[in-house]
Amino acid sequence: MADAVVVGANGFLGSYLVDALASAGHRVRAFDRYSSSEPTFTAPGVEIVRGEFLSRTDLESAVRGQELVFHFLSTTTPATAETDPTLDVRTNVAQTIELLESCVAAGVRHFYYASTGGAIYGMQGKQVYRESDRAMPLSPYGIGKLTIEHYLQYFGRLHDIRATAFRISNPYGPRQHLNKLQGFIPIALRRISRGEPVTVFGDGSMVRDYVYVADAITMIMNIVGGEPEHGLYNIGSGVGHSVEEVVSTLARVVGDQFVVEYRESPATFVDRVVLDIERYVAEFGPVPSRSLEEGIRATALGMGLNHV
């Protein structure tokens, strides 16, 4: 077992990763601001380290003595990066470079990065996207993620630090931070529970690969526990669902009528993104097979919406 630090440990994916690493027997350090809440992970014995991602000193302290570093923090969302692209460059990209430099100095063995599978491939008209397909992001958020992936390759070649990027599709589940306005399913469930309309961008035909958070973390942990052949993996369900299908599934789960408001899609929205997960399957076996309805029901119950 290894000493492992999760950067962004109190975030949506990060909190589940902390629990999974601790359950697997790793000695886990959980780095985050914890500015607005107590830790959302539940594993006992985790070392909680409060600090600022934008502080080089804090990052150096966080990675010191660690064998594995998991970078699961983002200072922006797709929406905020769109509003101010320079913010993504100045904070996410520049600070990740500093984090990588700190890892090299600390002798970190393996660096794992939460990239995006939903925004990085762009609009190429493919039914599914493989890791070997060209990345053509249209949004500042996706451009920033791809830039960081390139820096992982650079640091790996120059400093011989192993790095693995996870292109995660559209994860959803309990613990998602609704104030970030990212995560259609939990946000829709919350709005339905309050009697508020559900907002849909476009006509509902947009297709995404939705993956339940526990299934995504299981895939990631299988990679971490093995000897990955590649430095890049798609993490998703491998199945596409339109927004209209998601809305219909929400209606079945909650058993209530609700209003849907349709708005014009932003110019950088992509019509269809479904991830090919054959690379993962070939190395690590079948992916978890939770259905969309099972995942939405588990999300609703995890959010305390017990009427479902």
Protein backbone atom coordinates (compact mmCIF):
# COMPACT_ATOMS: atom_id res chain seq x y z
CA MET A 1 0.00 0.00 0.00
CA ALA A 2 1.13 3.54 -0.70
CA ASP A 3 1.12 7.04 0.71
CA ALA A 4 -1.37 8.91 -1.46
CA VAL A 5 -2.58 12.49 -1.49
CA VAL A 6 -5.80 13.60 -3.15
CA VAL A 7 -5.74 17.23 -4.28
CA GLY A 8 -9.37 18.34 -4.29
CA ALA A 9 -10.32 15.77 -1.67
CA ASN A 10 -13.53 17.52 -0.64
CA GLY A 11 -14.84 17.83 -4.17
CA PHE A 12 -17.41 15.56 -5.77
CA LEU A 13 -15.09 12.97 -7.33
CA GLY A 14 -12.29 13.61 -4.87
CA SER A 15 -14.35 12.69 -1.82
CA TYR A 16 -15.32 9.32 -3.30
CA LEU A 17 -11.73 8.70 -4.30
CA VAL A 18 -10.54 9.37 -0.73
CA ASP A 19 -13.00 6.77 0.57
CA ALA A 20 -11.96 4.23 -2.06
CA LEU A 21 -8.23 4.69 -1.50
CA ALA A 22 -8.63 4.38 2.27
CA SER A 23 -10.81 1.29 1.85
CA ALA A 24 -8.10 -0.27 -0.31
CA GLY A 25 -5.59 0.20 2.51
CA HIS A 26 -3.66 3.23 1.26
CA ARG A 27 -2.49 5.88 3.70
CA VAL A 28 -4.49 8.87 2.48
CA ARG A 29 -3.81 12.58 2.81
CA ALA A 30 -6.81 14.74 1.85
CA PHE A 31 -5.86 18.21 0.61
CA ASP A 32 -8.50 20.89 0.05
CA ARG A 33 -9.64 24.30 1.27
CA TYR A 34 -12.60 22.97 3.28
CA SER A 35 -13.73 26.58 3.28
CA SER A 36 -17.48 26.09 3.13
CA SER A 37 -18.06 22.64 4.61
CA GLU A 38 -16.71 19.83 6.69
CA PRO A 39 -15.18 16.85 4.90
CA THR A 40 -17.71 15.00 2.75
CA PHE A 41 -15.72 11.76 2.63
CA THR A 42 -16.47 9.25 5.36
CA ALA A 43 -13.35 7.06 5.64
CA PRO A 44 -11.70 7.01 9.09
CA GLY A 45 -8.02 7.66 9.62
CA VAL A 46 -7.61 10.09 6.73
CA GLU A 47 -5.08 12.89 7.23
CA ILE A 48 -6.91 16.17 6.56
CA VAL A 49 -4.70 18.94 5.21
CA ARG A 50 -6.22 22.37 4.69
CA GLY A 51 -4.56 24.54 2.09
CA GLU A 52 -4.87 26.64 -1.03
CA PHE A 53 -4.32 25.16 -4.46
CA LEU A 54 -2.98 28.53 -5.61
CA SER A 55 -0.25 28.47 -2.97
CA ARG A 56 3.00 26.85 -4.09
CA THR A 57 4.02 26.44 -0.46
CA ASP A 58 0.80 24.59 0.38
CA LEU A 59 1.20 22.30 -2.63
CA GLU A 60 4.79 21.48 -1.70
CA SER A 61 3.67 20.56 1.81
CA ALA A 62 0.77 18.48 0.47
CA VAL A 63 2.88 16.27 -1.81
CA ARG A 64 5.91 15.91 0.46
CA GLY A 65 6.49 12.28 1.38
CA GLN A 66 3.80 11.00 -0.97
CA GLU A 67 4.20 8.22 -3.54
CA LEU A 68 0.93 8.81 -5.41
CA VAL A 69 -0.66 12.16 -6.21
CA PHE A 70 -4.24 12.45 -7.47
CA HIS A 71 -5.06 15.82 -9.01
CA PHE A 72 -8.86 15.99 -8.84
CA LEU A 73 -9.29 19.73 -8.32
CA SER A 74 -10.47 22.33 -10.79
CA THR A 75 -10.73 26.04 -10.09
CA THR A 76 -13.27 26.47 -12.91
CA THR A 77 -16.32 24.80 -14.42
CA PRO A 78 -17.19 24.75 -18.11
CA ALA A 79 -19.38 27.81 -17.50
CA THR A 80 -16.85 29.89 -15.56
CA ALA A 81 -14.04 29.02 -17.98
CA GLU A 82 -16.27 30.17 -20.80
CA THR A 83 -16.90 33.47 -19.04
CA ASP A 84 -13.19 34.10 -18.41
CA PRO A 85 -10.81 31.83 -20.36
CA THR A 86 -7.78 33.52 -18.83
CA LEU A 87 -8.91 32.40 -15.37
CA ASP A 88 -8.58 28.79 -16.47
CA VAL A 89 -5.09 29.42 -17.86
CA ARG A 90 -3.92 31.45 -14.85
CA THR A 91 -5.21 29.06 -12.22
CA ASN A 92 -5.82 25.53 -13.52
CA VAL A 93 -3.09 25.31 -16.14
CA ALA A 94 -0.37 27.39 -14.50
CA GLN A 95 -0.93 25.98 -11.04
CA THR A 96 -0.98 22.38 -12.27
CA ILE A 97 2.46 23.01 -13.75
CA GLU A 98 3.60 24.18 -10.31
CA LEU A 99 2.01 21.09 -8.78
CA LEU A 100 3.92 18.87 -11.21
CA GLU A 101 7.16 20.69 -10.39
CA SER A 102 6.49 20.14 -6.69
CA CYS A 103 5.85 16.44 -7.33
CA VAL A 104 9.14 16.06 -9.18
CA ALA A 105 11.00 17.74 -6.32
CA ALA A 106 9.26 15.49 -3.79
CA GLY A 107 10.07 12.29 -5.67
CA VAL A 108 6.43 11.37 -6.35
CA ARG A 109 6.18 8.03 -8.15
CA HIS A 110 2.88 8.37 -10.03
CA PHE A 111 0.66 11.35 -10.88
CA TYR A 112 -3.02 10.79 -11.70
CA TYR A 113 -5.11 13.50 -13.31
CA ALA A 114 -8.88 13.93 -13.65
CA SER A 115 -9.30 15.20 -17.20
CA THR A 116 -12.57 15.41 -19.15
CA GLY A 117 -14.10 13.04 -21.64
CA GLY A 118 -17.16 15.20 -22.13
CA ALA A 119 -15.43 18.29 -23.51
CA ILE A 120 -12.08 17.23 -24.89
CA TYR A 121 -13.05 15.46 -28.14
CA GLY A 122 -15.13 18.29 -29.54
CA MET A 123 -17.60 18.00 -32.39
CA GLN A 124 -16.29 15.42 -34.86
CA GLY A 125 -19.51 13.58 -35.64
CA LYS A 126 -18.36 10.20 -34.30
CA GLN A 127 -20.67 7.73 -32.61
CA VAL A 128 -18.03 6.97 -29.96
CA TYR A 129 -14.62 8.43 -29.15
CA ARG A 130 -11.48 6.41 -28.49
CA GLU A 131 -8.40 7.61 -26.67
CA SER A 132 -6.55 7.42 -29.98
CA ASP A 133 -8.97 9.85 -31.63
CA ARG A 134 -7.82 13.41 -32.07
CA ALA A 135 -8.81 15.75 -29.24
CA MET A 136 -10.46 18.87 -30.66
CA PRO A 137 -12.02 20.76 -27.73
CA LEU A 138 -14.24 23.74 -28.54
CA SER A 139 -14.49 25.21 -25.04
CA PRO A 140 -11.86 26.90 -22.83
CA TYR A 141 -12.52 24.22 -20.19
CA GLY A 142 -11.67 21.41 -22.61
CA ILE A 143 -8.72 23.31 -24.05
CA GLY A 144 -7.28 23.73 -20.56
CA LYS A 145 -7.69 20.05 -19.76
CA LEU A 146 -5.94 19.03 -22.98
CA THR A 147 -3.11 21.47 -22.28
CA ILE A 148 -2.55 19.86 -18.89
CA GLU A 149 -2.54 16.40 -20.49
CA HIS A 150 0.26 17.61 -22.76
CA TYR A 151 2.21 18.85 -19.75
CA LEU A 152 1.86 15.41 -18.17
CA GLN A 153 3.65 13.97 -21.20
CA TYR A 154 6.29 16.68 -21.03
CA PHE A 155 7.04 16.09 -17.35
CA GLY A 156 7.01 12.34 -17.86
CA ARG A 157 9.62 12.55 -20.61
CA LEU A 158 11.79 15.19 -18.95
CA HIS A 159 11.63 14.01 -15.34
CA ASP A 160 10.64 10.35 -15.61
CA ILE A 161 7.55 10.73 -13.44
CA ARG A 162 4.72 8.36 -14.39
CA ALA A 163 1.43 10.06 -15.18
CA THR A 164 -2.04 8.77 -16.02
CA ALA A 165 -4.95 10.91 -17.21
CA PHE A 166 -8.57 9.86 -16.78
CA ARG A 167 -10.93 11.29 -19.39
CA ILE A 168 -14.09 11.10 -17.30
CA SER A 169 -17.37 11.46 -19.19
CA ASN A 170 -20.36 12.95 -17.31
CA PRO A 171 -20.24 11.69 -13.72
CA TYR A 172 -23.24 12.12 -11.47
CA GLY A 173 -24.36 11.08 -8.00
CA PRO A 174 -24.74 12.28 -4.41
CA ARG A 175 -22.26 14.82 -3.00
CA GLN A 176 -22.26 16.79 -6.25
CA HIS A 177 -21.80 20.48 -5.49
CA LEU A 178 -24.99 22.02 -6.84
CA ASN A 179 -23.77 25.60 -6.34
CA LYS A 180 -21.27 25.01 -9.16
CA LEU A 181 -24.14 24.47 -11.60
CA GLN A 182 -22.38 21.42 -13.01
CA GLY A 183 -24.12 18.06 -13.12
CA PHE A 184 -27.46 17.97 -14.89
CA ILE A 185 -28.97 15.02 -13.02
CA PRO A 186 -28.47 16.15 -9.37
CA ILE A 187 -29.40 19.73 -10.25
CA ALA A 188 -32.57 18.55 -11.99
CA LEU A 189 -33.50 16.35 -9.01
CA ARG A 190 -33.05 19.25 -6.61
CA ARG A 191 -35.16 21.55 -8.75
CA ILE A 192 -37.91 18.93 -9.07
CA SER A 193 -37.95 18.46 -5.28
CA ARG A 194 -38.49 22.22 -4.89
CA GLY A 195 -41.20 22.42 -7.50
CA GLU A 196 -38.95 24.41 -9.84
CA PRO A 197 -38.66 23.91 -13.61
CA VAL A 198 -35.84 21.81 -15.06
CA THR A 199 -33.68 23.69 -17.57
CA VAL A 200 -32.67 21.91 -20.78
CA PHE A 201 -30.29 23.48 -23.28
CA GLY A 202 -31.27 22.76 -26.86
CA ASP A 203 -34.14 20.52 -27.93
CA GLY A 204 -33.22 17.56 -25.69
CA SER A 205 -31.50 15.55 -28.42
CA MET A 206 -27.97 16.19 -27.10
CA VAL A 207 -26.36 12.85 -26.18
CA ARG A 208 -23.93 12.29 -23.32
CA ASP A 209 -22.24 9.35 -21.63
CA TYR A 210 -23.53 9.50 -18.04
CA VAL A 211 -21.58 7.45 -15.51
CA TYR A 212 -22.59 6.94 -11.89
CA VAL A 213 -19.87 8.22 -9.58
CA ALA A 214 -19.27 4.93 -7.75
CA ASP A 215 -18.83 3.14 -11.07
CA ALA A 216 -16.34 5.75 -12.29
CA ILE A 217 -14.32 5.44 -9.08
CA THR A 218 -14.32 1.64 -9.36
CA MET A 219 -12.81 1.95 -12.85
CA ILE A 220 -10.19 4.41 -11.61
CA MET A 221 -9.26 2.22 -8.64
CA ASN A 222 -8.79 -0.80 -10.90
CA ILE A 223 -6.30 1.21 -12.95
CA VAL A 224 -4.52 2.49 -9.84
CA GLY A 225 -4.28 -1.02 -8.42
CA GLY A 226 -2.73 -2.45 -11.57
CA GLU A 227 0.10 -1.67 -13.94
CA PRO A 228 -1.56 0.40 -16.66
CA GLU A 229 -0.20 -0.04 -20.16
CA HIS A 230 -1.25 3.44 -21.23
CA GLY A 231 -1.11 6.97 -19.88
CA LEU A 232 -4.67 7.79 -20.88
CA TYR A 233 -8.02 6.10 -20.26
CA ASN A 234 -11.63 6.95 -21.04
CA ILE A 235 -13.77 6.58 -17.93
CA GLY A 236 -17.47 6.25 -18.72
CA SER A 237 -20.35 3.86 -19.24
CA GLY A 238 -19.80 3.47 -22.97
CA VAL A 239 -23.52 4.13 -23.49
CA GLY A 240 -25.11 7.32 -24.75
CA HIS A 241 -28.35 8.84 -23.47
CA SER A 242 -30.06 11.93 -24.82
CA VAL A 243 -31.12 14.67 -22.43
CA GLU A 244 -34.70 13.82 -23.37
CA GLU A 245 -34.10 10.22 -22.19
CA VAL A 246 -32.67 11.53 -18.93
CA VAL A 247 -35.72 13.75 -18.38
CA SER A 248 -38.04 10.78 -19.03
CA THR A 249 -36.05 8.65 -16.59
CA LEU A 250 -36.22 11.40 -13.97
CA ALA A 251 -40.00 11.43 -14.35
CA ARG A 252 -40.20 7.66 -13.81
CA VAL A 253 -37.97 7.82 -10.75
CA VAL A 254 -39.66 10.74 -8.97
CA GLY A 255 -43.17 9.84 -10.10
CA ASP A 256 -44.07 13.54 -10.32
CA GLN A 257 -44.94 15.93 -13.08
CA PHE A 258 -42.53 18.81 -13.55
CA VAL A 259 -42.01 21.64 -15.96
CA VAL A 260 -39.14 21.60 -18.47
CA GLU A 261 -37.77 24.91 -19.73
CA TYR A 262 -35.86 24.81 -23.02
CA ARG A 263 -33.12 27.32 -23.68
CA GLU A 264 -30.76 27.90 -26.57
CA SER A 265 -27.56 25.86 -26.40
CA PRO A 266 -24.27 27.74 -26.06
CA ALA A 267 -22.17 27.73 -29.22
CA THR A 268 -19.53 25.49 -27.61
CA PHE A 269 -21.98 22.71 -26.68
CA VAL A 270 -21.30 19.44 -28.50
CA ASP A 271 -24.22 17.41 -29.87
CA ARG A 272 -22.92 13.92 -29.04
CA VAL A 273 -20.13 12.56 -26.85
CA VAL A 274 -20.02 8.84 -25.97
CA LEU A 275 -16.77 7.29 -24.82
CA ASP A 276 -15.30 4.06 -26.17
CA ILE A 277 -14.06 2.10 -23.14
CA GLU A 278 -12.53 -0.89 -24.93
CA ARG A 279 -9.01 0.10 -23.84
CA TYR A 280 -10.10 -0.16 -20.22
CA VAL A 281 -12.04 -3.40 -20.76
CA ALA A 282 -9.12 -5.07 -22.53
CA GLU A 283 -6.82 -4.43 -19.56
CA PHE A 284 -9.08 -4.49 -16.52
CA GLY A 285 -12.24 -6.38 -17.48
CA PRO A 286 -15.90 -5.37 -17.69
CA VAL A 287 -17.01 -1.99 -16.41
CA PRO A 288 -19.66 -1.66 -13.68
CA SER A 289 -23.08 -1.93 -15.34
CA ARG A 290 -25.40 0.30 -13.30
CA SER A 291 -28.27 1.47 -15.49
CA LEU A 292 -29.23 5.12 -15.85
CA GLU A 293 -32.45 4.58 -13.88
CA GLU A 294 -30.60 2.73 -11.08
CA GLY A 295 -28.05 5.53 -10.92
CA ILE A 296 -30.65 8.29 -10.85
CA ARG A 297 -32.59 6.49 -8.12
CA ALA A 298 -29.43 6.07 -6.04
CA THR A 299 -28.61 9.74 -6.57
CA ALA A 300 -32.06 10.83 -5.42
CA LEU A 301 -31.90 8.68 -2.31
CA GLY A 302 -28.36 9.86 -1.57
CA MET A 303 -29.59 13.46 -1.77
CA GLY A 304 -32.25 12.69 0.83
CA LEU A 305 -35.16 12.78 -1.62
CA ASN A 306 -36.82 9.84 0.10
CA HIS A 307 -40.15 10.12 -1.71
CA VAL A 308 -38.64 8.29 -4.69
